[in-house]
Amino acid sequence: MPLTTTHTGPDTVILDYNGVLGVQPTTTQWLRLARTATWEAELASFQNAFWSARTLYDAGQLSDRAY
């Protein structure tokens, strides 16, 4: 009798922690993101606002839209 198996999930999961696989945004990319978000404050204020909600977003407690 042949052995059969059923695939029940992903074979691989890749996680990136703080730019190990990907790179952190450049200043130019941060500025573009701030403009896209129609943020009128200085870049440091935008970055602080961006990171202040990140823990809740990563935990699934904020939707993409709310974040």
Protein backbone atom coordinates (compact mmCIF):
# COMPACT_ATOMS: atom_id res chain seq x y z
CA MET A 1 0.00 0.00 0.00
CA PRO A 2 1.51 3.41 -0.97
CA LEU A 3 2.13 5.99 1.75
CA THR A 4 0.14 9.21 1.26
CA THR A 5 0.40 12.49 3.09
CA THR A 6 -1.73 15.60 3.18
CA HIS A 7 -0.15 19.03 3.14
CA THR A 8 -1.52 20.90 6.16
CA GLY A 9 0.40 24.17 6.24
CA PRO A 10 3.38 26.17 5.08
CA ASP A 11 6.73 24.50 4.61
CA THR A 12 8.67 27.61 5.56
CA VAL A 13 8.10 30.80 7.52
CA ILE A 14 10.57 33.65 7.15
CA LEU A 15 10.62 36.40 9.77
CA ASP A 16 12.60 39.61 9.60
CA TYR A 17 13.63 41.29 12.81
CA ASN A 18 14.85 44.87 12.63
CA GLY A 19 16.38 44.77 9.19
CA VAL A 20 18.16 41.41 9.30
CA LEU A 21 16.80 40.38 5.89
CA GLY A 22 15.39 43.67 4.68
CA VAL A 23 16.93 47.08 5.03
CA GLN A 24 15.66 50.02 7.05
CA PRO A 25 14.18 52.90 5.05
CA THR A 26 16.50 55.66 3.92
CA THR A 27 15.78 59.26 4.86
CA THR A 28 14.43 59.84 1.35
CA GLN A 29 12.06 56.89 1.73
CA TRP A 30 10.91 58.15 5.15
CA LEU A 31 10.19 61.57 3.66
CA ARG A 32 8.22 59.99 0.80
CA LEU A 33 6.19 57.95 3.30
CA ALA A 34 5.50 61.05 5.39
CA ARG A 35 4.29 62.92 2.29
CA THR A 36 2.10 59.96 1.29
CA ALA A 37 0.55 60.02 4.76
CA THR A 38 -0.02 63.79 4.34
CA TRP A 39 2.04 64.40 7.46
CA GLU A 40 2.87 68.07 7.79
CA ALA A 41 5.20 67.86 10.82
CA GLU A 42 8.94 67.36 10.79
CA LEU A 43 10.35 63.93 9.95
CA ALA A 44 11.29 63.05 13.55
CA SER A 45 7.68 63.64 14.66
CA PHE A 46 6.40 61.43 11.84
CA GLN A 47 8.82 58.64 12.74
CA ASN A 48 7.83 58.85 16.43
CA ALA A 49 4.15 58.58 15.48
CA PHE A 50 4.93 55.69 13.11
CA TRP A 51 6.79 53.65 15.72
CA SER A 52 4.55 54.50 18.68
CA ALA A 53 1.70 52.35 17.31
CA ARG A 54 3.87 49.63 15.80
CA THR A 55 3.68 47.26 18.79
CA LEU A 56 -0.13 47.29 18.68
CA TYR A 57 -0.07 46.79 14.90
CA ASP A 58 2.36 43.88 15.09
CA ALA A 59 0.22 42.30 17.82
CA GLY A 60 -2.83 42.43 15.54
CA GLN A 61 -4.60 44.96 17.75
CA LEU A 62 -4.67 47.65 15.02
CA SER A 63 -5.90 47.19 11.49
CA ASP A 64 -3.79 48.32 8.54
CA ARG A 65 -6.10 51.30 8.12
CA ALA A 66 -5.98 52.28 11.80
CA TYR A 67 -2.20 52.00 11.86
